[in-house]
């Protein structure tokens, strides 16, 4: 199989999969694709080191931390139980898990030091502007941002959970109903205008809670296991927390993926 894959491109992948099947090779297609990919998954060397240590990745974002206390803590407690269970599964040996204290839903990604591109950077700020100065400028813009009567932000676990080999392991979320969806679209549009960031994926953004980052490719057995267990875990969260209620979004800075430091709550002037 190594000889079959050597020197090939993604365009040839389907043809190779067919050739492999004809030769009696039954490796899952996504596993074949992973073996054509770089040595490590895409976030190794970016957000994590190959040994699982967190990598510097400074930036800012607008998030809602998952409530950890009180009447709305059921989702957090469910994911915390999964965090406790996860290490006994073989595929988790290849995953850098995020600390539960960091669990959140991103409302609007802002800027990070390793992706200084015009489409993901405030349009009126220089691409070489120091990150600290960018953060100061954006905090001032957001001090007067009015949330309106949109709280709580009501979400639920999506029935569609599709973990991919090498990609961030997330629990997909969706707005609780059509009214909530319209509310969130309007909020994201307003933030894009205030921050002057018009990313290409703005209208297709998928809400989620990140759980961990693969630091090595899954083999075929591990991939089958994660595809089996992930919907089970998502259903467990949904059954214990049919509605997830988030408080006001927070503008946060971060040095890496382990902690998000609140600079202000949106809608709280000054």
C-alpha atoms as a PDB file:
ATOM      1  CA  UNK A   1       0.000   0.000   0.000  1.00  0.00           C
ATOM      2  CA  UNK A   2       2.863   2.402   0.727  1.00  0.00           C
ATOM      3  CA  UNK A   3       4.072   1.988  -2.855  1.00  0.00           C
ATOM      4  CA  UNK A   4       0.564   2.540  -4.135  1.00  0.00           C
ATOM      5  CA  UNK A   5       0.284   5.845  -2.266  1.00  0.00           C
ATOM      6  CA  UNK A   6       3.786   7.165  -2.932  1.00  0.00           C
ATOM      7  CA  UNK A   7       3.927  10.390  -4.902  1.00  0.00           C
ATOM      8  CA  UNK A   8       0.168  10.712  -5.352  1.00  0.00           C
ATOM      9  CA  UNK A   9      -2.067  13.758  -5.079  1.00  0.00           C
ATOM     10  CA  UNK A  10      -5.527  14.286  -3.647  1.00  0.00           C
ATOM     11  CA  UNK A  11      -6.976  14.257  -7.184  1.00  0.00           C
ATOM     12  CA  UNK A  12      -5.883  10.659  -7.517  1.00  0.00           C
ATOM     13  CA  UNK A  13      -7.319   9.584  -4.193  1.00  0.00           C
ATOM     14  CA  UNK A  14     -10.623   8.137  -5.422  1.00  0.00           C
ATOM     15  CA  UNK A  15      -8.848   6.227  -8.143  1.00  0.00           C
ATOM     16  CA  UNK A  16      -6.402   4.844  -5.607  1.00  0.00           C
ATOM     17  CA  UNK A  17      -9.224   3.820  -3.293  1.00  0.00           C
ATOM     18  CA  UNK A  18     -10.839   1.910  -6.150  1.00  0.00           C
ATOM     19  CA  UNK A  19      -7.527   0.305  -7.041  1.00  0.00           C
ATOM     20  CA  UNK A  20      -7.006  -0.651  -3.414  1.00  0.00           C
ATOM     21  CA  UNK A  21     -10.445  -2.258  -3.251  1.00  0.00           C
ATOM     22  CA  UNK A  22      -9.716  -4.227  -6.409  1.00  0.00           C
ATOM     23  CA  UNK A  23      -6.507  -5.432  -4.777  1.00  0.00           C
ATOM     24  CA  UNK A  24      -8.395  -6.550  -1.689  1.00  0.00           C
ATOM     25  CA  UNK A  25      -7.313  -3.590   0.494  1.00  0.00           C
ATOM     26  CA  UNK A  26     -10.100  -2.566   2.870  1.00  0.00           C
ATOM     27  CA  UNK A  27      -8.582   0.416   4.696  1.00  0.00           C
ATOM     28  CA  UNK A  28     -11.174   3.173   5.250  1.00  0.00           C
ATOM     29  CA  UNK A  29     -10.903   5.944   2.604  1.00  0.00           C
ATOM     30  CA  UNK A  30     -10.276   8.702   5.150  1.00  0.00           C
ATOM     31  CA  UNK A  31      -7.426   6.649   6.596  1.00  0.00           C
ATOM     32  CA  UNK A  32      -5.915   6.397   3.109  1.00  0.00           C
ATOM     33  CA  UNK A  33      -6.195  10.131   2.766  1.00  0.00           C
ATOM     34  CA  UNK A  34      -4.521  10.636   6.155  1.00  0.00           C
ATOM     35  CA  UNK A  35      -1.555   8.559   5.001  1.00  0.00           C
ATOM     36  CA  UNK A  36      -1.110  10.904   2.034  1.00  0.00           C
ATOM     37  CA  UNK A  37      -1.151  13.896   4.372  1.00  0.00           C
ATOM     38  CA  UNK A  38       1.762  15.463   6.265  1.00  0.00           C
ATOM     39  CA  UNK A  39       3.423  13.604   9.112  1.00  0.00           C
ATOM     40  CA  UNK A  40       1.184  15.260  11.713  1.00  0.00           C
ATOM     41  CA  UNK A  41      -2.389  16.619  11.767  1.00  0.00           C
ATOM     42  CA  UNK A  42      -2.712  20.315  10.845  1.00  0.00           C
ATOM     43  CA  UNK A  43      -2.740  21.782  14.370  1.00  0.00           C
ATOM     44  CA  UNK A  44       0.528  20.118  15.427  1.00  0.00           C
ATOM     45  CA  UNK A  45       3.194  22.805  15.398  1.00  0.00           C
ATOM     46  CA  UNK A  46       0.431  25.411  15.473  1.00  0.00           C
ATOM     47  CA  UNK A  47      -1.663  24.820  18.590  1.00  0.00           C
ATOM     48  CA  UNK A  48       0.117  21.778  20.041  1.00  0.00           C
ATOM     49  CA  UNK A  49       3.528  20.151  19.993  1.00  0.00           C
ATOM     50  CA  UNK A  50       3.844  16.557  18.714  1.00  0.00           C
ATOM     51  CA  UNK A  51       4.121  15.280  22.298  1.00  0.00           C
ATOM     52  CA  UNK A  52       0.809  16.889  23.298  1.00  0.00           C
ATOM     53  CA  UNK A  53       2.117  19.979  25.074  1.00  0.00           C
ATOM     54  CA  UNK A  54       0.209  23.135  24.314  1.00  0.00           C
ATOM     55  CA  UNK A  55       1.893  25.403  21.729  1.00  0.00           C
ATOM     56  CA  UNK A  56       1.876  29.230  21.869  1.00  0.00           C
ATOM     57  CA  UNK A  57      -1.037  30.529  19.792  1.00  0.00           C
ATOM     58  CA  UNK A  58      -1.891  34.076  20.814  1.00  0.00           C
ATOM     59  CA  UNK A  59      -4.995  35.897  19.732  1.00  0.00           C
ATOM     60  CA  UNK A  60      -8.462  37.101  20.655  1.00  0.00           C
ATOM     61  CA  UNK A  61     -11.997  35.831  20.270  1.00  0.00           C
ATOM     62  CA  UNK A  62     -15.592  36.365  21.340  1.00  0.00           C
ATOM     63  CA  UNK A  63     -16.888  33.345  23.208  1.00  0.00           C
ATOM     64  CA  UNK A  64     -19.454  32.122  25.702  1.00  0.00           C
ATOM     65  CA  UNK A  65     -17.875  30.000  28.405  1.00  0.00           C
ATOM     66  CA  UNK A  66     -19.879  26.898  29.202  1.00  0.00           C
ATOM     67  CA  UNK A  67     -21.663  27.478  32.553  1.00  0.00           C
ATOM     68  CA  UNK A  68     -19.955  25.405  35.240  1.00  0.00           C
ATOM     69  CA  UNK A  69     -22.213  26.165  38.193  1.00  0.00           C
ATOM     70  CA  UNK A  70     -25.911  26.484  38.909  1.00  0.00           C
ATOM     71  CA  UNK A  71     -29.013  25.510  36.982  1.00  0.00           C
ATOM     72  CA  UNK A  72     -27.352  25.597  33.539  1.00  0.00           C
ATOM     73  CA  UNK A  73     -24.324  23.410  34.384  1.00  0.00           C
ATOM     74  CA  UNK A  74     -25.698  20.106  33.038  1.00  0.00           C
ATOM     75  CA  UNK A  75     -23.836  20.348  29.721  1.00  0.00           C
ATOM     76  CA  UNK A  76     -20.530  21.073  31.435  1.00  0.00           C
ATOM     77  CA  UNK A  77     -21.015  18.200  33.871  1.00  0.00           C
ATOM     78  CA  UNK A  78     -21.817  15.827  30.997  1.00  0.00           C
ATOM     79  CA  UNK A  79     -18.672  16.765  29.086  1.00  0.00           C
ATOM     80  CA  UNK A  80     -16.669  16.559  32.307  1.00  0.00           C
ATOM     81  CA  UNK A  81     -17.837  12.949  32.697  1.00  0.00           C
ATOM     82  CA  UNK A  82     -16.677  12.266  29.125  1.00  0.00           C
ATOM     83  CA  UNK A  83     -13.329  13.899  29.958  1.00  0.00           C
ATOM     84  CA  UNK A  84     -12.984  11.430  32.837  1.00  0.00           C
ATOM     85  CA  UNK A  85     -13.903   8.463  30.661  1.00  0.00           C
ATOM     86  CA  UNK A  86     -12.000   9.404  27.502  1.00  0.00           C
ATOM     87  CA  UNK A  87      -8.489   8.162  28.451  1.00  0.00           C
ATOM     88  CA  UNK A  88      -9.617   4.533  28.460  1.00  0.00           C
ATOM     89  CA  UNK A  89     -10.350   4.700  24.714  1.00  0.00           C
ATOM     90  CA  UNK A  90      -7.452   3.779  22.454  1.00  0.00           C
ATOM     91  CA  UNK A  91      -7.787   6.725  20.059  1.00  0.00           C
ATOM     92  CA  UNK A  92      -7.435   9.229  22.908  1.00  0.00           C
ATOM     93  CA  UNK A  93      -3.740   8.340  23.192  1.00  0.00           C
ATOM     94  CA  UNK A  94      -3.371  10.480  20.070  1.00  0.00           C
ATOM     95  CA  UNK A  95      -5.423  13.427  21.321  1.00  0.00           C
ATOM     96  CA  UNK A  96      -4.406  16.450  23.406  1.00  0.00           C
ATOM     97  CA  UNK A  97      -7.485  17.081  25.523  1.00  0.00           C
ATOM     98  CA  UNK A  98      -8.415  20.625  26.460  1.00  0.00           C
ATOM     99  CA  UNK A  99      -8.800  21.461  30.160  1.00  0.00           C
ATOM    100  CA  UNK A 100     -12.479  21.556  31.187  1.00  0.00           C
ATOM    101  CA  UNK A 101     -12.035  25.102  32.516  1.00  0.00           C
ATOM    102  CA  UNK A 102     -11.595  26.230  28.882  1.00  0.00           C
ATOM    103  CA  UNK A 103     -14.844  24.747  27.493  1.00  0.00           C
ATOM    104  CA  UNK A 104     -16.702  27.354  25.485  1.00  0.00           C
ATOM    105  CA  UNK A 105     -18.681  28.132  22.351  1.00  0.00           C
ATOM    106  CA  UNK A 106     -17.082  30.599  19.957  1.00  0.00           C
ATOM    107  CA  UNK A 107     -19.505  33.299  18.824  1.00  0.00           C
ATOM    108  CA  UNK A 108     -17.061  35.182  16.612  1.00  0.00           C
ATOM    109  CA  UNK A 109     -13.384  34.504  15.924  1.00  0.00           C
ATOM    110  CA  UNK A 110     -11.371  37.714  15.952  1.00  0.00           C
ATOM    111  CA  UNK A 111      -7.609  37.639  15.298  1.00  0.00           C
ATOM    112  CA  UNK A 112      -4.575  35.500  16.012  1.00  0.00           C
ATOM    113  CA  UNK A 113      -0.879  36.102  15.647  1.00  0.00           C
ATOM    114  CA  UNK A 114      -0.262  33.151  13.323  1.00  0.00           C
ATOM    115  CA  UNK A 115      -2.906  34.049  10.746  1.00  0.00           C
ATOM    116  CA  UNK A 116      -2.322  37.648   9.771  1.00  0.00           C
ATOM    117  CA  UNK A 117      -4.433  37.625   6.621  1.00  0.00           C
ATOM    118  CA  UNK A 118      -6.635  40.430   5.445  1.00  0.00           C
ATOM    119  CA  UNK A 119      -9.777  38.263   5.387  1.00  0.00           C
ATOM    120  CA  UNK A 120      -9.347  37.305   9.063  1.00  0.00           C
ATOM    121  CA  UNK A 121      -7.978  40.615  10.379  1.00  0.00           C
ATOM    122  CA  UNK A 122      -9.733  43.929  11.106  1.00  0.00           C
ATOM    123  CA  UNK A 123      -9.830  45.652   7.719  1.00  0.00           C
ATOM    124  CA  UNK A 124      -8.773  49.050   9.052  1.00  0.00           C
ATOM    125  CA  UNK A 125      -5.821  47.820  11.131  1.00  0.00           C
ATOM    126  CA  UNK A 126      -2.349  47.086   9.710  1.00  0.00           C
ATOM    127  CA  UNK A 127      -1.454  43.429   9.354  1.00  0.00           C
ATOM    128  CA  UNK A 128       1.812  44.027  11.213  1.00  0.00           C
ATOM    129  CA  UNK A 129       0.160  45.831  14.133  1.00  0.00           C
ATOM    130  CA  UNK A 130       1.280  44.336  17.485  1.00  0.00           C
ATOM    131  CA  UNK A 131      -1.386  42.044  18.895  1.00  0.00           C
ATOM    132  CA  UNK A 132      -1.566  43.965  22.160  1.00  0.00           C
ATOM    133  CA  UNK A 133      -2.410  47.145  20.251  1.00  0.00           C
ATOM    134  CA  UNK A 134      -5.027  45.303  18.200  1.00  0.00           C
ATOM    135  CA  UNK A 135      -6.660  44.069  21.381  1.00  0.00           C
ATOM    136  CA  UNK A 136      -6.720  47.539  22.918  1.00  0.00           C
ATOM    137  CA  UNK A 137      -8.360  48.964  19.798  1.00  0.00           C
ATOM    138  CA  UNK A 138     -10.997  46.249  19.644  1.00  0.00           C
ATOM    139  CA  UNK A 139     -11.840  46.475  23.335  1.00  0.00           C
ATOM    140  CA  UNK A 140     -12.576  50.180  22.859  1.00  0.00           C
ATOM    141  CA  UNK A 141     -14.881  49.405  19.927  1.00  0.00           C
ATOM    142  CA  UNK A 142     -16.759  46.795  21.899  1.00  0.00           C
ATOM    143  CA  UNK A 143     -17.260  48.876  25.041  1.00  0.00           C
ATOM    144  CA  UNK A 144     -20.283  50.540  23.454  1.00  0.00           C
ATOM    145  CA  UNK A 145     -21.647  47.418  21.759  1.00  0.00           C
ATOM    146  CA  UNK A 146     -25.298  46.859  22.665  1.00  0.00           C
ATOM    147  CA  UNK A 147     -26.469  43.276  22.921  1.00  0.00           C
ATOM    148  CA  UNK A 148     -30.148  44.091  23.070  1.00  0.00           C
ATOM    149  CA  UNK A 149     -32.625  41.624  24.522  1.00  0.00           C
ATOM    150  CA  UNK A 150     -30.932  38.414  23.293  1.00  0.00           C
ATOM    151  CA  UNK A 151     -29.968  36.611  26.491  1.00  0.00           C
ATOM    152  CA  UNK A 152     -29.751  33.804  27.235  1.00  0.00           C
ATOM    153  CA  UNK A 153     -28.287  32.389  24.028  1.00  0.00           C
ATOM    154  CA  UNK A 154     -30.078  29.057  23.701  1.00  0.00           C
ATOM    155  CA  UNK A 155     -28.331  26.184  21.933  1.00  0.00           C
ATOM    156  CA  UNK A 156     -28.633  22.407  21.687  1.00  0.00           C
ATOM    157  CA  UNK A 157     -26.372  19.566  20.669  1.00  0.00           C
ATOM    158  CA  UNK A 158     -26.592  18.960  16.929  1.00  0.00           C
ATOM    159  CA  UNK A 159     -27.750  15.510  15.791  1.00  0.00           C
ATOM    160  CA  UNK A 160     -24.995  15.660  13.169  1.00  0.00           C
ATOM    161  CA  UNK A 161     -21.652  14.669  14.697  1.00  0.00           C
ATOM    162  CA  UNK A 162     -18.925  13.735  12.217  1.00  0.00           C
ATOM    163  CA  UNK A 163     -15.381  13.558  13.637  1.00  0.00           C
ATOM    164  CA  UNK A 164     -12.696  13.572  10.938  1.00  0.00           C
ATOM    165  CA  UNK A 165      -9.257  12.030  11.145  1.00  0.00           C
ATOM    166  CA  UNK A 166      -6.772  14.707  12.222  1.00  0.00           C
ATOM    167  CA  UNK A 167      -9.364  17.442  12.768  1.00  0.00           C
ATOM    168  CA  UNK A 168     -10.315  19.072  16.047  1.00  0.00           C
ATOM    169  CA  UNK A 169     -12.664  16.862  18.048  1.00  0.00           C
ATOM    170  CA  UNK A 170     -15.726  18.990  18.720  1.00  0.00           C
ATOM    171  CA  UNK A 171     -19.308  18.612  19.831  1.00  0.00           C
ATOM    172  CA  UNK A 172     -21.353  20.415  17.198  1.00  0.00           C
ATOM    173  CA  UNK A 173     -24.081  22.743  18.437  1.00  0.00           C
ATOM    174  CA  UNK A 174     -26.993  24.451  16.729  1.00  0.00           C
ATOM    175  CA  UNK A 175     -29.404  27.207  17.734  1.00  0.00           C
ATOM    176  CA  UNK A 176     -32.322  25.890  19.775  1.00  0.00           C
ATOM    177  CA  UNK A 177     -34.914  27.048  17.239  1.00  0.00           C
ATOM    178  CA  UNK A 178     -35.379  29.288  14.185  1.00  0.00           C
ATOM    179  CA  UNK A 179     -35.782  32.432  16.271  1.00  0.00           C
ATOM    180  CA  UNK A 180     -32.521  31.710  18.067  1.00  0.00           C
ATOM    181  CA  UNK A 181     -30.799  31.069  14.728  1.00  0.00           C
ATOM    182  CA  UNK A 182     -31.923  34.443  13.370  1.00  0.00           C
ATOM    183  CA  UNK A 183     -30.778  36.129  16.585  1.00  0.00           C
ATOM    184  CA  UNK A 184     -27.309  34.624  16.323  1.00  0.00           C
ATOM    185  CA  UNK A 185     -26.949  35.457  12.628  1.00  0.00           C
ATOM    186  CA  UNK A 186     -27.844  39.063  13.385  1.00  0.00           C
ATOM    187  CA  UNK A 187     -25.360  39.174  16.279  1.00  0.00           C
ATOM    188  CA  UNK A 188     -22.536  37.806  14.120  1.00  0.00           C
ATOM    189  CA  UNK A 189     -23.353  40.285  11.327  1.00  0.00           C
ATOM    190  CA  UNK A 190     -23.247  43.188  13.772  1.00  0.00           C
ATOM    191  CA  UNK A 191     -19.925  42.001  15.226  1.00  0.00           C
ATOM    192  CA  UNK A 192     -18.439  41.682  11.735  1.00  0.00           C
ATOM    193  CA  UNK A 193     -19.394  45.303  11.045  1.00  0.00           C
ATOM    194  CA  UNK A 194     -18.044  46.628  14.341  1.00  0.00           C
ATOM    195  CA  UNK A 195     -14.798  44.668  14.182  1.00  0.00           C
ATOM    196  CA  UNK A 196     -14.464  45.125  10.409  1.00  0.00           C
ATOM    197  CA  UNK A 197     -13.763  41.428   9.851  1.00  0.00           C
ATOM    198  CA  UNK A 198     -15.506  39.757   6.926  1.00  0.00           C
ATOM    199  CA  UNK A 199     -14.218  36.191   6.861  1.00  0.00           C
ATOM    200  CA  UNK A 200     -15.038  33.967   3.861  1.00  0.00           C
ATOM    201  CA  UNK A 201     -16.814  31.438   6.087  1.00  0.00           C
ATOM    202  CA  UNK A 202     -18.930  33.993   7.928  1.00  0.00           C
ATOM    203  CA  UNK A 203     -22.330  32.711   6.761  1.00  0.00           C
ATOM    204  CA  UNK A 204     -21.488  29.020   7.056  1.00  0.00           C
ATOM    205  CA  UNK A 205     -19.916  29.079  10.522  1.00  0.00           C
ATOM    206  CA  UNK A 206     -20.742  26.000  12.644  1.00  0.00           C
ATOM    207  CA  UNK A 207     -21.048  26.448  16.399  1.00  0.00           C
ATOM    208  CA  UNK A 208     -19.298  23.900  18.577  1.00  0.00           C
ATOM    209  CA  UNK A 209     -17.528  23.063  21.827  1.00  0.00           C
ATOM    210  CA  UNK A 210     -13.938  21.903  21.279  1.00  0.00           C
ATOM    211  CA  UNK A 211     -12.850  18.855  23.282  1.00  0.00           C
ATOM    212  CA  UNK A 212      -9.373  17.991  21.999  1.00  0.00           C
ATOM    213  CA  UNK A 213      -6.843  18.146  19.190  1.00  0.00           C
ATOM    214  CA  UNK A 214      -5.366  15.079  17.453  1.00  0.00           C
ATOM    215  CA  UNK A 215      -1.575  15.105  17.614  1.00  0.00           C
ATOM    216  CA  UNK A 216      -1.170  12.008  15.447  1.00  0.00           C
ATOM    217  CA  UNK A 217      -3.256  10.396  12.712  1.00  0.00           C
ATOM    218  CA  UNK A 218      -5.715   7.698  13.789  1.00  0.00           C
ATOM    219  CA  UNK A 219      -5.191   4.276  12.314  1.00  0.00           C
ATOM    220  CA  UNK A 220      -8.200   2.463  10.802  1.00  0.00           C
ATOM    221  CA  UNK A 221      -9.228   0.813  14.085  1.00  0.00           C
ATOM    222  CA  UNK A 222      -8.967   4.071  16.030  1.00  0.00           C
ATOM    223  CA  UNK A 223     -10.915   5.929  13.375  1.00  0.00           C
ATOM    224  CA  UNK A 224     -13.746   3.409  13.526  1.00  0.00           C
ATOM    225  CA  UNK A 225     -13.799   3.744  17.305  1.00  0.00           C
ATOM    226  CA  UNK A 226     -13.993   7.530  17.345  1.00  0.00           C
ATOM    227  CA  UNK A 227     -16.743   7.534  14.706  1.00  0.00           C
ATOM    228  CA  UNK A 228     -18.706   5.067  16.841  1.00  0.00           C
ATOM    229  CA  UNK A 229     -18.213   6.691  20.228  1.00  0.00           C
ATOM    230  CA  UNK A 230     -18.599  10.352  19.268  1.00  0.00           C
ATOM    231  CA  UNK A 231     -22.342  10.249  18.437  1.00  0.00           C
ATOM    232  CA  UNK A 232     -22.883   8.218  21.620  1.00  0.00           C
ATOM    233  CA  UNK A 233     -21.181  10.899  23.681  1.00  0.00           C
ATOM    234  CA  UNK A 234     -23.108  13.672  21.918  1.00  0.00           C
ATOM    235  CA  UNK A 235     -26.407  11.883  22.579  1.00  0.00           C
ATOM    236  CA  UNK A 236     -25.436  11.545  26.230  1.00  0.00           C
ATOM    237  CA  UNK A 237     -24.847  15.291  26.469  1.00  0.00           C
ATOM    238  CA  UNK A 238     -28.130  16.043  24.661  1.00  0.00           C
ATOM    239  CA  UNK A 239     -30.144  13.765  26.946  1.00  0.00           C
ATOM    240  CA  UNK A 240     -28.774  15.414  30.091  1.00  0.00           C
ATOM    241  CA  UNK A 241     -28.845  18.940  28.684  1.00  0.00           C
ATOM    242  CA  UNK A 242     -31.562  19.314  26.007  1.00  0.00           C
ATOM    243  CA  UNK A 243     -31.098  23.089  26.129  1.00  0.00           C
ATOM    244  CA  UNK A 244     -27.781  24.854  26.713  1.00  0.00           C
ATOM    245  CA  UNK A 245     -28.182  28.405  27.999  1.00  0.00           C
ATOM    246  CA  UNK A 246     -25.226  30.754  27.560  1.00  0.00           C
ATOM    247  CA  UNK A 247     -24.779  34.109  29.278  1.00  0.00           C
ATOM    248  CA  UNK A 248     -23.378  37.246  27.645  1.00  0.00           C
ATOM    249  CA  UNK A 249     -20.533  36.726  25.148  1.00  0.00           C
ATOM    250  CA  UNK A 250     -17.059  37.688  26.341  1.00  0.00           C
ATOM    251  CA  UNK A 251     -14.250  39.329  24.409  1.00  0.00           C
ATOM    252  CA  UNK A 252     -11.224  37.270  25.449  1.00  0.00           C
ATOM    253  CA  UNK A 253      -7.536  37.163  24.725  1.00  0.00           C
ATOM    254  CA  UNK A 254      -5.520  33.963  24.821  1.00  0.00           C
ATOM    255  CA  UNK A 255      -1.886  32.877  24.779  1.00  0.00           C
ATOM    256  CA  UNK A 256      -2.747  29.291  23.840  1.00  0.00           C
ATOM    257  CA  UNK A 257      -5.732  26.945  23.737  1.00  0.00           C
ATOM    258  CA  UNK A 258      -5.728  26.222  27.471  1.00  0.00           C
ATOM    259  CA  UNK A 259      -7.167  29.484  28.815  1.00  0.00           C
ATOM    260  CA  UNK A 260      -9.273  32.404  27.585  1.00  0.00           C
ATOM    261  CA  UNK A 261      -8.915  35.643  29.501  1.00  0.00           C
ATOM    262  CA  UNK A 262     -12.016  37.842  29.621  1.00  0.00           C
ATOM    263  CA  UNK A 263     -11.436  41.524  28.813  1.00  0.00           C
ATOM    264  CA  UNK A 264     -15.109  42.477  28.900  1.00  0.00           C
ATOM    265  CA  UNK A 265     -18.618  41.145  28.613  1.00  0.00           C
ATOM    266  CA  UNK A 266     -20.436  42.372  25.534  1.00  0.00           C
ATOM    267  CA  UNK A 267     -23.263  44.696  26.426  1.00  0.00           C
ATOM    268  CA  UNK A 268     -21.732  45.901  29.679  1.00  0.00           C
ATOM    269  CA  UNK A 269     -20.514  49.396  28.948  1.00  0.00           C
ATOM    270  CA  UNK A 270     -17.291  50.631  30.505  1.00  0.00           C
END
